[in-house]
PDB file of N, CA and C in Angstrom:
ATOM      1  N   LEU A   1     -83.809  64.468 -26.240  1.00  0.00           N
ATOM      2  CA  LEU A   1     -82.836  63.399 -26.854  1.00  0.00           C
ATOM      3  C   LEU A   1     -83.756  62.886 -28.237  1.00  0.00           C
ATOM      4  N   LEU A   2     -84.944  62.518 -28.169  1.00  0.00           N
ATOM      5  CA  LEU A   2     -85.634  62.089 -29.189  1.00  0.00           C
ATOM      6  C   LEU A   2     -85.656  62.996 -30.312  1.00  0.00           C
ATOM      7  N   ILE A   3     -85.812  64.186 -30.134  1.00  0.00           N
ATOM      8  CA  ILE A   3     -85.929  65.251 -31.184  1.00  0.00           C
ATOM      9  C   ILE A   3     -84.521  65.268 -31.890  1.00  0.00           C
ATOM     10  N   ALA A   4     -83.573  65.510 -31.012  1.00  0.00           N
ATOM     11  CA  ALA A   4     -82.243  65.146 -31.719  1.00  0.00           C
ATOM     12  C   ALA A   4     -81.863  64.128 -32.496  1.00  0.00           C
ATOM     13  N   ALA A   5     -82.571  62.971 -32.197  1.00  0.00           N
ATOM     14  CA  ALA A   5     -82.224  61.789 -32.938  1.00  0.00           C
ATOM     15  C   ALA A   5     -83.271  61.898 -34.041  1.00  0.00           C
ATOM     16  N   MET A   6     -84.196  62.496 -34.126  1.00  0.00           N
ATOM     17  CA  MET A   6     -84.883  62.583 -35.411  1.00  0.00           C
ATOM     18  C   MET A   6     -84.292  63.630 -36.350  1.00  0.00           C
ATOM     19  N   LYS A   7     -83.680  64.580 -35.787  1.00  0.00           N
ATOM     20  CA  LYS A   7     -83.031  65.617 -36.664  1.00  0.00           C
ATOM     21  C   LYS A   7     -81.750  64.925 -37.086  1.00  0.00           C
ATOM     22  N   ALA A   8     -81.259  63.814 -36.584  1.00  0.00           N
ATOM     23  CA  ALA A   8     -79.838  63.270 -37.127  1.00  0.00           C
ATOM     24  C   ALA A   8     -80.455  62.049 -37.951  1.00  0.00           C
ATOM     25  N   GLY A   9     -81.755  62.186 -38.315  1.00  0.00           N
ATOM     26  CA  GLY A   9     -82.119  60.620 -39.300  1.00  0.00           C
ATOM     27  C   GLY A   9     -82.986  59.716 -38.805  1.00  0.00           C
ATOM     28  N   ALA A  10     -83.207  59.580 -37.637  1.00  0.00           N
ATOM     29  CA  ALA A  10     -84.314  58.716 -37.077  1.00  0.00           C
ATOM     30  C   ALA A  10     -85.441  58.795 -37.691  1.00  0.00           C
ATOM     31  N   HIS A  11     -86.127  57.637 -37.994  1.00  0.00           N
ATOM     32  CA  HIS A  11     -87.521  57.843 -38.736  1.00  0.00           C
ATOM     33  C   HIS A  11     -88.728  57.953 -37.552  1.00  0.00           C
ATOM     34  N   SER A  12     -88.616  57.234 -36.495  1.00  0.00           N
ATOM     35  CA  SER A  12     -89.617  57.179 -35.376  1.00  0.00           C
ATOM     36  C   SER A  12     -89.123  57.307 -34.171  1.00  0.00           C
ATOM     37  N   GLY A  13     -89.531  57.320 -32.911  1.00  0.00           N
ATOM     38  CA  GLY A  13     -89.292  57.291 -31.951  1.00  0.00           C
ATOM     39  C   GLY A  13     -90.346  57.101 -30.687  1.00  0.00           C
ATOM     40  N   GLU A  14     -89.768  56.427 -29.486  1.00  0.00           N
ATOM     41  CA  GLU A  14     -90.864  56.427 -28.489  1.00  0.00           C
ATOM     42  C   GLU A  14     -90.044  56.755 -27.217  1.00  0.00           C
ATOM     43  N   GLY A  15     -90.854  57.551 -26.311  1.00  0.00           N
ATOM     44  CA  GLY A  15     -90.205  58.045 -25.248  1.00  0.00           C
ATOM     45  C   GLY A  15     -90.973  57.419 -23.920  1.00  0.00           C
ATOM     46  N   TYR A  16     -90.456  57.335 -22.973  1.00  0.00           N
ATOM     47  CA  TYR A  16     -91.013  56.789 -21.516  1.00  0.00           C
ATOM     48  C   TYR A  16     -90.710  57.887 -20.479  1.00  0.00           C
ATOM     49  N   GLU A  17     -91.442  58.280 -19.782  1.00  0.00           N
ATOM     50  CA  GLU A  17     -91.341  59.131 -18.382  1.00  0.00           C
ATOM     51  C   GLU A  17     -92.769  59.182 -17.771  1.00  0.00           C
ATOM     52  N   ILE A  18     -92.441  58.833 -16.396  1.00  0.00           N
ATOM     53  CA  ILE A  18     -93.642  58.985 -15.572  1.00  0.00           C
ATOM     54  C   ILE A  18     -93.933  60.017 -14.785  1.00  0.00           C
ATOM     55  N   HIS A  19     -93.288  61.330 -15.189  1.00  0.00           N
ATOM     56  CA  HIS A  19     -93.498  62.751 -14.751  1.00  0.00           C
ATOM     57  C   HIS A  19     -94.640  63.226 -15.619  1.00  0.00           C
ATOM     58  N   PRO A  20     -95.940  63.657 -15.253  1.00  0.00           N
ATOM     59  CA  PRO A  20     -96.791  64.173 -16.472  1.00  0.00           C
ATOM     60  C   PRO A  20     -96.332  65.334 -17.064  1.00  0.00           C
ATOM     61  N   GLY A  21     -95.583  66.298 -16.044  1.00  0.00           N
ATOM     62  CA  GLY A  21     -95.111  67.572 -16.715  1.00  0.00           C
ATOM     63  C   GLY A  21     -94.190  67.286 -17.773  1.00  0.00           C
ATOM     64  N   LEU A  22     -93.528  66.441 -17.553  1.00  0.00           N
ATOM     65  CA  LEU A  22     -92.248  66.102 -18.732  1.00  0.00           C
ATOM     66  C   LEU A  22     -92.705  65.668 -19.904  1.00  0.00           C
ATOM     67  N   ILE A  23     -93.906  64.654 -19.636  1.00  0.00           N
ATOM     68  CA  ILE A  23     -94.751  64.409 -20.975  1.00  0.00           C
ATOM     69  C   ILE A  23     -95.259  65.611 -21.602  1.00  0.00           C
ATOM     70  N   TRP A  24     -95.902  66.215 -21.122  1.00  0.00           N
ATOM     71  CA  TRP A  24     -96.492  67.409 -21.673  1.00  0.00           C
ATOM     72  C   TRP A  24     -95.537  68.379 -22.185  1.00  0.00           C
ATOM     73  N   LEU A  25     -94.277  68.386 -21.550  1.00  0.00           N
ATOM     74  CA  LEU A  25     -93.341  69.479 -22.286  1.00  0.00           C
ATOM     75  C   LEU A  25     -92.798  68.620 -23.576  1.00  0.00           C
ATOM     76  N   SER A  26     -92.385  67.372 -23.232  1.00  0.00           N
ATOM     77  CA  SER A  26     -92.037  66.551 -24.570  1.00  0.00           C
ATOM     78  C   SER A  26     -92.920  66.732 -25.536  1.00  0.00           C
ATOM     79  N   ARG A  27     -93.932  66.373 -25.396  1.00  0.00           N
ATOM     80  CA  ARG A  27     -95.329  66.609 -26.530  1.00  0.00           C
ATOM     81  C   ARG A  27     -95.168  67.957 -27.183  1.00  0.00           C
ATOM     82  N   PHE A  28     -94.979  68.965 -26.327  1.00  0.00           N
ATOM     83  CA  PHE A  28     -95.155  70.257 -26.724  1.00  0.00           C
ATOM     84  C   PHE A  28     -93.754  70.445 -27.706  1.00  0.00           C
ATOM     85  N   TYR A  29     -92.656  70.045 -27.283  1.00  0.00           N
ATOM     86  CA  TYR A  29     -91.454  70.237 -28.202  1.00  0.00           C
ATOM     87  C   TYR A  29     -91.595  69.393 -29.432  1.00  0.00           C
ATOM     88  N   ALA A  30     -92.213  68.366 -29.632  1.00  0.00           N
ATOM     89  CA  ALA A  30     -92.256  67.695 -30.545  1.00  0.00           C
ATOM     90  C   ALA A  30     -93.181  68.272 -31.825  1.00  0.00           C
ATOM     91  N   ARG A  31     -94.450  68.868 -31.191  1.00  0.00           N
ATOM     92  CA  ARG A  31     -95.245  69.403 -31.815  1.00  0.00           C
ATOM     93  C   ARG A  31     -94.532  70.904 -32.585  1.00  0.00           C
ATOM     94  N   MET A  32     -93.914  71.446 -31.511  1.00  0.00           N
ATOM     95  CA  MET A  32     -92.838  72.717 -32.257  1.00  0.00           C
ATOM     96  C   MET A  32     -92.021  72.149 -33.424  1.00  0.00           C
ATOM     97  N   HIS A  33     -91.418  71.226 -33.047  1.00  0.00           N
ATOM     98  CA  HIS A  33     -90.547  70.586 -34.212  1.00  0.00           C
ATOM     99  C   HIS A  33     -91.129  70.067 -35.330  1.00  0.00           C
ATOM    100  N   ARG A  34     -92.610  69.867 -35.251  1.00  0.00           N
ATOM    101  CA  ARG A  34     -93.365  69.194 -36.405  1.00  0.00           C
ATOM    102  C   ARG A  34     -92.841  67.889 -36.325  1.00  0.00           C
ATOM    103  N   MET A  35     -92.657  67.262 -35.080  1.00  0.00           N
ATOM    104  CA  MET A  35     -92.204  65.755 -35.238  1.00  0.00           C
ATOM    105  C   MET A  35     -93.312  64.918 -34.640  1.00  0.00           C
ATOM    106  N   SER A  36     -94.543  65.551 -33.922  1.00  0.00           N
ATOM    107  CA  SER A  36     -95.258  64.724 -32.944  1.00  0.00           C
ATOM    108  C   SER A  36     -95.995  63.570 -34.013  1.00  0.00           C
ATOM    109  N   GLN A  37     -96.021  63.385 -35.364  1.00  0.00           N
ATOM    110  CA  GLN A  37     -96.496  62.386 -35.819  1.00  0.00           C
ATOM    111  C   GLN A  37     -95.336  60.969 -35.855  1.00  0.00           C
ATOM    112  N   GLN A  38     -94.222  61.420 -35.501  1.00  0.00           N
ATOM    113  CA  GLN A  38     -92.910  60.378 -35.762  1.00  0.00           C
ATOM    114  C   GLN A  38     -92.607  59.707 -34.233  1.00  0.00           C
ATOM    115  N   ILE A  39     -92.957  60.736 -33.372  1.00  0.00           N
ATOM    116  CA  ILE A  39     -92.636  60.514 -31.984  1.00  0.00           C
ATOM    117  C   ILE A  39     -93.623  60.282 -30.882  1.00  0.00           C
ATOM    118  N   VAL A  40     -93.700  59.282 -30.312  1.00  0.00           N
ATOM    119  CA  VAL A  40     -94.742  58.946 -29.388  1.00  0.00           C
ATOM    120  C   VAL A  40     -94.347  58.941 -27.652  1.00  0.00           C
ATOM    121  N   PHE A  41     -95.115  59.650 -27.031  1.00  0.00           N
ATOM    122  CA  PHE A  41     -94.662  59.785 -25.537  1.00  0.00           C
ATOM    123  C   PHE A  41     -95.427  58.900 -24.802  1.00  0.00           C
ATOM    124  N   HIS A  42     -94.933  58.091 -23.940  1.00  0.00           N
ATOM    125  CA  HIS A  42     -95.753  57.065 -23.083  1.00  0.00           C
ATOM    126  C   HIS A  42     -95.405  57.781 -21.615  1.00  0.00           C
ATOM    127  N   ARG A  43     -96.455  57.939 -20.973  1.00  0.00           N
ATOM    128  CA  ARG A  43     -96.455  58.012 -19.508  1.00  0.00           C
ATOM    129  C   ARG A  43     -96.324  56.524 -18.742  1.00  0.00           C
ATOM    130  N   LYS A  44     -95.286  56.218 -18.455  1.00  0.00           N
ATOM    131  CA  LYS A  44     -94.878  54.847 -18.298  1.00  0.00           C
ATOM    132  C   LYS A  44     -93.352  54.706 -17.791  1.00  0.00           C
ATOM    133  N   SER A  45     -93.299  53.844 -16.715  1.00  0.00           N
ATOM    134  CA  SER A  45     -91.868  53.918 -16.551  1.00  0.00           C
ATOM    135  C   SER A  45     -91.004  52.997 -17.642  1.00  0.00           C
ATOM    136  N   PHE A  46     -89.737  53.195 -17.854  1.00  0.00           N
ATOM    137  CA  PHE A  46     -89.208  52.743 -18.735  1.00  0.00           C
ATOM    138  C   PHE A  46     -88.752  51.009 -18.479  1.00  0.00           C
ATOM    139  N   TRP A  47     -88.780  50.804 -17.106  1.00  0.00           N
ATOM    140  CA  TRP A  47     -88.485  49.484 -16.464  1.00  0.00           C
ATOM    141  C   TRP A  47     -89.639  48.555 -16.976  1.00  0.00           C
ATOM    142  N   ASP A  48     -90.933  49.067 -17.228  1.00  0.00           N
ATOM    143  CA  ASP A  48     -92.109  48.178 -17.080  1.00  0.00           C
ATOM    144  C   ASP A  48     -92.283  48.282 -19.068  1.00  0.00           C
ATOM    145  N   ALA A  49     -91.524  48.836 -19.694  1.00  0.00           N
ATOM    146  CA  ALA A  49     -91.694  49.271 -21.267  1.00  0.00           C
ATOM    147  C   ALA A  49     -91.084  47.926 -21.882  1.00  0.00           C
ATOM    148  N   ASP A  50     -91.569  47.355 -22.993  1.00  0.00           N
ATOM    149  CA  ASP A  50     -90.989  46.204 -23.751  1.00  0.00           C
ATOM    150  C   ASP A  50     -90.310  46.963 -24.779  1.00  0.00           C
ATOM    151  N   VAL A  51     -88.709  46.712 -24.827  1.00  0.00           N
ATOM    152  CA  VAL A  51     -88.020  47.511 -25.805  1.00  0.00           C
ATOM    153  C   VAL A  51     -87.618  46.661 -26.679  1.00  0.00           C
ATOM    154  N   SER A  52     -88.279  45.140 -26.740  1.00  0.00           N
ATOM    155  CA  SER A  52     -87.859  44.208 -27.857  1.00  0.00           C
ATOM    156  C   SER A  52     -87.697  44.585 -29.289  1.00  0.00           C
ATOM    157  N   HIS A  53     -88.525  45.672 -29.545  1.00  0.00           N
ATOM    158  CA  HIS A  53     -88.778  46.027 -30.968  1.00  0.00           C
ATOM    159  C   HIS A  53     -87.666  47.238 -31.366  1.00  0.00           C
ATOM    160  N   ALA A  54     -87.201  47.816 -30.387  1.00  0.00           N
ATOM    161  CA  ALA A  54     -86.066  48.682 -30.594  1.00  0.00           C
ATOM    162  C   ALA A  54     -84.820  48.577 -31.216  1.00  0.00           C
ATOM    163  N   ASN A  55     -84.376  49.273 -31.751  1.00  0.00           N
ATOM    164  CA  ASN A  55     -82.895  49.029 -32.486  1.00  0.00           C
ATOM    165  C   ASN A  55     -82.161  50.010 -32.062  1.00  0.00           C
ATOM    166  N   VAL A  56     -82.425  51.063 -31.340  1.00  0.00           N
ATOM    167  CA  VAL A  56     -81.887  52.124 -30.807  1.00  0.00           C
ATOM    168  C   VAL A  56     -82.491  52.534 -29.593  1.00  0.00           C
ATOM    169  N   VAL A  57     -81.642  52.560 -28.545  1.00  0.00           N
ATOM    170  CA  VAL A  57     -82.178  53.211 -27.097  1.00  0.00           C
ATOM    171  C   VAL A  57     -81.237  54.150 -26.380  1.00  0.00           C
ATOM    172  N   LEU A  58     -82.023  55.410 -26.569  1.00  0.00           N
ATOM    173  CA  LEU A  58     -81.254  56.560 -25.867  1.00  0.00           C
ATOM    174  C   LEU A  58     -81.514  56.701 -24.373  1.00  0.00           C
ATOM    175  N   LEU A  59     -80.592  56.871 -23.602  1.00  0.00           N
ATOM    176  CA  LEU A  59     -80.724  56.929 -22.173  1.00  0.00           C
ATOM    177  C   LEU A  59     -80.049  58.109 -21.623  1.00  0.00           C
ATOM    178  N   TYR A  60     -80.763  58.558 -20.630  1.00  0.00           N
ATOM    179  CA  TYR A  60     -80.290  59.457 -19.722  1.00  0.00           C
ATOM    180  C   TYR A  60     -80.777  59.163 -18.405  1.00  0.00           C
ATOM    181  N   GLN A  61     -79.654  58.365 -17.771  1.00  0.00           N
ATOM    182  CA  GLN A  61     -80.109  57.423 -16.224  1.00  0.00           C
ATOM    183  C   GLN A  61     -78.805  57.802 -15.508  1.00  0.00           C
ATOM    184  N   LEU A  62     -79.327  57.992 -14.269  1.00  0.00           N
ATOM    185  CA  LEU A  62     -78.224  57.976 -13.077  1.00  0.00           C
ATOM    186  C   LEU A  62     -77.315  56.850 -13.007  1.00  0.00           C
ATOM    187  N   PRO A  63     -76.186  56.836 -12.351  1.00  0.00           N
ATOM    188  CA  PRO A  63     -75.317  55.769 -12.119  1.00  0.00           C
ATOM    189  C   PRO A  63     -75.757  54.478 -11.444  1.00  0.00           C
ATOM    190  N   LYS A  64     -76.729  54.676 -10.672  1.00  0.00           N
ATOM    191  CA  LYS A  64     -76.911  53.698  -9.546  1.00  0.00           C
ATOM    192  C   LYS A  64     -77.682  52.359 -10.343  1.00  0.00           C
ATOM    193  N   PRO A  65     -78.571  53.084 -11.120  1.00  0.00           N
ATOM    194  CA  PRO A  65     -79.604  52.011 -11.811  1.00  0.00           C
ATOM    195  C   PRO A  65     -79.007  51.447 -12.896  1.00  0.00           C
ATOM    196  N   MET A  66     -77.894  51.996 -13.099  1.00  0.00           N
ATOM    197  CA  MET A  66     -77.292  51.384 -14.696  1.00  0.00           C
ATOM    198  C   MET A  66     -77.281  49.788 -14.701  1.00  0.00           C
ATOM    199  N   GLU A  67     -76.604  49.246 -13.721  1.00  0.00           N
ATOM    200  CA  GLU A  67     -76.341  47.697 -13.865  1.00  0.00           C
ATOM    201  C   GLU A  67     -77.706  46.975 -14.095  1.00  0.00           C
ATOM    202  N   ASP A  68     -78.734  47.459 -13.256  1.00  0.00           N
ATOM    203  CA  ASP A  68     -80.077  46.784 -13.467  1.00  0.00           C
ATOM    204  C   ASP A  68     -80.315  46.809 -15.042  1.00  0.00           C
ATOM    205  N   LEU A  69     -80.411  48.346 -15.650  1.00  0.00           N
ATOM    206  CA  LEU A  69     -81.083  48.595 -16.646  1.00  0.00           C
ATOM    207  C   LEU A  69     -80.089  47.690 -17.742  1.00  0.00           C
ATOM    208  N   GLU A  70     -78.716  47.548 -17.586  1.00  0.00           N
ATOM    209  CA  GLU A  70     -78.205  46.721 -18.453  1.00  0.00           C
ATOM    210  C   GLU A  70     -78.697  45.107 -18.725  1.00  0.00           C
ATOM    211  N   LYS A  71     -78.888  44.640 -17.377  1.00  0.00           N
ATOM    212  CA  LYS A  71     -79.593  43.351 -17.592  1.00  0.00           C
ATOM    213  C   LYS A  71     -80.859  43.252 -18.344  1.00  0.00           C
ATOM    214  N   LYS A  72     -81.638  44.381 -18.301  1.00  0.00           N
ATOM    215  CA  LYS A  72     -83.045  44.543 -18.745  1.00  0.00           C
ATOM    216  C   LYS A  72     -82.660  44.616 -20.321  1.00  0.00           C
ATOM    217  N   LEU A  73     -81.791  45.567 -20.914  1.00  0.00           N
ATOM    218  CA  LEU A  73     -81.727  45.482 -22.194  1.00  0.00           C
ATOM    219  C   LEU A  73     -80.955  44.319 -22.761  1.00  0.00           C
ATOM    220  N   LEU A  74     -80.059  43.851 -22.176  1.00  0.00           N
ATOM    221  CA  LEU A  74     -79.331  42.408 -22.473  1.00  0.00           C
ATOM    222  C   LEU A  74     -80.479  41.627 -22.505  1.00  0.00           C
ATOM    223  N   GLY A  75     -81.573  41.270 -21.870  1.00  0.00           N
ATOM    224  CA  GLY A  75     -82.706  40.156 -21.919  1.00  0.00           C
ATOM    225  C   GLY A  75     -83.700  40.779 -22.991  1.00  0.00           C
ATOM    226  N   GLU A  76     -83.811  42.026 -23.348  1.00  0.00           N
ATOM    227  CA  GLU A  76     -84.862  42.296 -24.104  1.00  0.00           C
ATOM    228  C   GLU A  76     -84.401  42.781 -25.717  1.00  0.00           C
ATOM    229  N   LEU A  77     -83.437  43.635 -25.854  1.00  0.00           N
ATOM    230  CA  LEU A  77     -82.791  43.918 -26.949  1.00  0.00           C
ATOM    231  C   LEU A  77     -82.520  42.945 -27.958  1.00  0.00           C
ATOM    232  N   PRO A  78     -82.920  43.212 -29.325  1.00  0.00           N
ATOM    233  CA  PRO A  78     -82.564  42.287 -30.620  1.00  0.00           C
ATOM    234  C   PRO A  78     -80.808  42.611 -30.566  1.00  0.00           C
ATOM    235  N   HIS A  79     -80.462  41.222 -31.044  1.00  0.00           N
ATOM    236  CA  HIS A  79     -78.637  41.549 -31.235  1.00  0.00           C
ATOM    237  C   HIS A  79     -78.520  42.437 -32.360  1.00  0.00           C
ATOM    238  N   GLY A  80     -77.351  43.211 -31.857  1.00  0.00           N
ATOM    239  CA  GLY A  80     -76.939  44.294 -32.687  1.00  0.00           C
ATOM    240  C   GLY A  80     -77.458  45.546 -32.293  1.00  0.00           C
ATOM    241  N   ALA A  81     -78.497  45.737 -31.622  1.00  0.00           N
ATOM    242  CA  ALA A  81     -78.768  47.146 -31.162  1.00  0.00           C
ATOM    243  C   ALA A  81     -77.838  47.901 -30.359  1.00  0.00           C
ATOM    244  N   ARG A  82     -78.343  49.089 -30.800  1.00  0.00           N
ATOM    245  CA  ARG A  82     -77.441  50.162 -30.117  1.00  0.00           C
ATOM    246  C   ARG A  82     -78.123  50.911 -28.981  1.00  0.00           C
ATOM    247  N   VAL A  83     -77.102  51.276 -28.083  1.00  0.00           N
ATOM    248  CA  VAL A  83     -77.621  51.958 -26.760  1.00  0.00           C
ATOM    249  C   VAL A  83     -76.664  53.272 -26.607  1.00  0.00           C
ATOM    250  N   ILE A  84     -77.425  54.172 -26.374  1.00  0.00           N
ATOM    251  CA  ILE A  84     -76.597  55.605 -26.311  1.00  0.00           C
ATOM    252  C   ILE A  84     -77.059  56.157 -24.801  1.00  0.00           C
ATOM    253  N   SER A  85     -76.085  56.252 -24.351  1.00  0.00           N
ATOM    254  CA  SER A  85     -76.092  56.781 -22.968  1.00  0.00           C
ATOM    255  C   SER A  85     -75.539  58.224 -22.755  1.00  0.00           C
ATOM    256  N   HIS A  86     -76.143  59.202 -22.364  1.00  0.00           N
ATOM    257  CA  HIS A  86     -75.745  60.373 -22.071  1.00  0.00           C
ATOM    258  C   HIS A  86     -75.231  60.538 -20.648  1.00  0.00           C
ATOM    259  N   SER A  87     -74.132  61.065 -20.470  1.00  0.00           N
ATOM    260  CA  SER A  87     -73.297  61.499 -19.200  1.00  0.00           C
ATOM    261  C   SER A  87     -72.978  60.320 -18.455  1.00  0.00           C
ATOM    262  N   PHE A  88     -73.718  59.202 -18.362  1.00  0.00           N
ATOM    263  CA  PHE A  88     -73.598  57.806 -17.528  1.00  0.00           C
ATOM    264  C   PHE A  88     -73.144  56.716 -18.467  1.00  0.00           C
ATOM    265  N   PRO A  89     -71.888  55.928 -18.156  1.00  0.00           N
ATOM    266  CA  PRO A  89     -71.726  54.893 -19.085  1.00  0.00           C
ATOM    267  C   PRO A  89     -72.425  53.657 -18.535  1.00  0.00           C
ATOM    268  N   MET A  90     -72.560  52.728 -19.047  1.00  0.00           N
ATOM    269  CA  MET A  90     -72.911  51.298 -18.723  1.00  0.00           C
ATOM    270  C   MET A  90     -71.898  50.754 -17.811  1.00  0.00           C
ATOM    271  N   THR A  91     -72.012  49.802 -17.008  1.00  0.00           N
ATOM    272  CA  THR A  91     -71.050  49.596 -16.037  1.00  0.00           C
ATOM    273  C   THR A  91     -70.293  48.123 -16.491  1.00  0.00           C
ATOM    274  N   ASN A  92     -70.983  47.281 -17.344  1.00  0.00           N
ATOM    275  CA  ASN A  92     -70.413  46.181 -17.814  1.00  0.00           C
ATOM    276  C   ASN A  92     -70.162  46.213 -19.242  1.00  0.00           C
ATOM    277  N   TRP A  93     -70.493  46.875 -20.029  1.00  0.00           N
ATOM    278  CA  TRP A  93     -70.496  46.850 -21.381  1.00  0.00           C
ATOM    279  C   TRP A  93     -69.242  47.755 -21.881  1.00  0.00           C
ATOM    280  N   LYS A  94     -68.493  47.563 -22.810  1.00  0.00           N
ATOM    281  CA  LYS A  94     -67.726  48.365 -23.534  1.00  0.00           C
ATOM    282  C   LYS A  94     -68.266  49.139 -24.509  1.00  0.00           C
ATOM    283  N   PRO A  95     -67.628  50.589 -24.265  1.00  0.00           N
ATOM    284  CA  PRO A  95     -68.552  51.442 -25.450  1.00  0.00           C
ATOM    285  C   PRO A  95     -67.751  51.274 -26.470  1.00  0.00           C
ATOM    286  N   GLU A  96     -68.367  51.475 -27.925  1.00  0.00           N
ATOM    287  CA  GLU A  96     -67.858  51.457 -29.138  1.00  0.00           C
ATOM    288  C   GLU A  96     -67.121  52.875 -29.595  1.00  0.00           C
ATOM    289  N   GLN A  97     -67.716  53.805 -28.820  1.00  0.00           N
ATOM    290  CA  GLN A  97     -67.325  55.167 -28.940  1.00  0.00           C
ATOM    291  C   GLN A  97     -67.453  55.896 -27.610  1.00  0.00           C
ATOM    292  N   VAL A  98     -66.961  57.191 -27.422  1.00  0.00           N
ATOM    293  CA  VAL A  98     -67.339  57.930 -26.390  1.00  0.00           C
ATOM    294  C   VAL A  98     -66.976  59.204 -26.946  1.00  0.00           C
ATOM    295  N   LYS A  99     -67.927  60.289 -26.621  1.00  0.00           N
ATOM    296  CA  LYS A  99     -67.533  61.645 -27.201  1.00  0.00           C
ATOM    297  C   LYS A  99     -68.446  62.505 -26.550  1.00  0.00           C
ATOM    298  N   ASN A 100     -67.693  63.566 -25.748  1.00  0.00           N
ATOM    299  CA  ASN A 100     -68.491  64.631 -24.839  1.00  0.00           C
ATOM    300  C   ASN A 100     -69.514  63.809 -24.007  1.00  0.00           C
ATOM    301  N   LYS A 101     -69.265  62.766 -23.401  1.00  0.00           N
ATOM    302  CA  LYS A 101     -70.139  62.155 -22.157  1.00  0.00           C
ATOM    303  C   LYS A 101     -71.023  61.431 -22.902  1.00  0.00           C
ATOM    304  N   ILE A 102     -70.813  60.915 -24.445  1.00  0.00           N
ATOM    305  CA  ILE A 102     -71.911  60.438 -24.844  1.00  0.00           C
ATOM    306  C   ILE A 102     -71.449  58.946 -25.290  1.00  0.00           C
ATOM    307  N   PHE A 103     -71.653  58.040 -24.693  1.00  0.00           N
ATOM    308  CA  PHE A 103     -71.451  56.622 -24.799  1.00  0.00           C
ATOM    309  C   PHE A 103     -72.206  55.772 -25.650  1.00  0.00           C
ATOM    310  N   VAL A 104     -71.425  55.016 -26.652  1.00  0.00           N
ATOM    311  CA  VAL A 104     -72.499  54.549 -27.809  1.00  0.00           C
ATOM    312  C   VAL A 104     -72.042  52.781 -27.599  1.00  0.00           C
ATOM    313  N   TYR A 105     -73.132  51.965 -27.601  1.00  0.00           N
ATOM    314  CA  TYR A 105     -72.696  50.522 -27.182  1.00  0.00           C
ATOM    315  C   TYR A 105     -73.537  49.870 -28.275  1.00  0.00           C
ATOM    316  N   LYS A 106     -72.986  48.612 -28.698  1.00  0.00           N
ATOM    317  CA  LYS A 106     -73.722  47.607 -29.376  1.00  0.00           C
ATOM    318  C   LYS A 106     -73.938  46.658 -28.622  1.00  0.00           C
ATOM    319  N   LYS A 107     -75.166  45.986 -28.466  1.00  0.00           N
ATOM    320  CA  LYS A 107     -75.807  44.959 -27.835  1.00  0.00           C
ATOM    321  C   LYS A 107     -74.832  43.638 -28.049  1.00  0.00           C
ATOM    322  N   PRO A 108     -74.087  43.325 -27.023  1.00  0.00           N
ATOM    323  CA  PRO A 108     -73.335  41.699 -27.524  1.00  0.00           C
ATOM    324  C   PRO A 108     -74.289  40.661 -28.031  1.00  0.00           C
TER     325      PRO A 108
END
């Protein structure tokens, strides 16, 4: 998702993943696409990450934790921040856009 965001015009990105193999693979793909200077991957749970500085959050999260995730994002994200969820919608936020199972939200 971060590599696609960079190709779409993002200037930088941070990714959070707890699985060491997926961190390695993500860093490998970032190097392959010559984006390792713009993307930082953290071996850390997103639940423990401070996202108060983010203006866009990309998600691929299963439906069950989405409601708790909404609370985290509502409490931490700055006003007007965008949340883009792949495949799974947020429970209580109304999307601004939906296309091909991509849900785009603006923090209320």
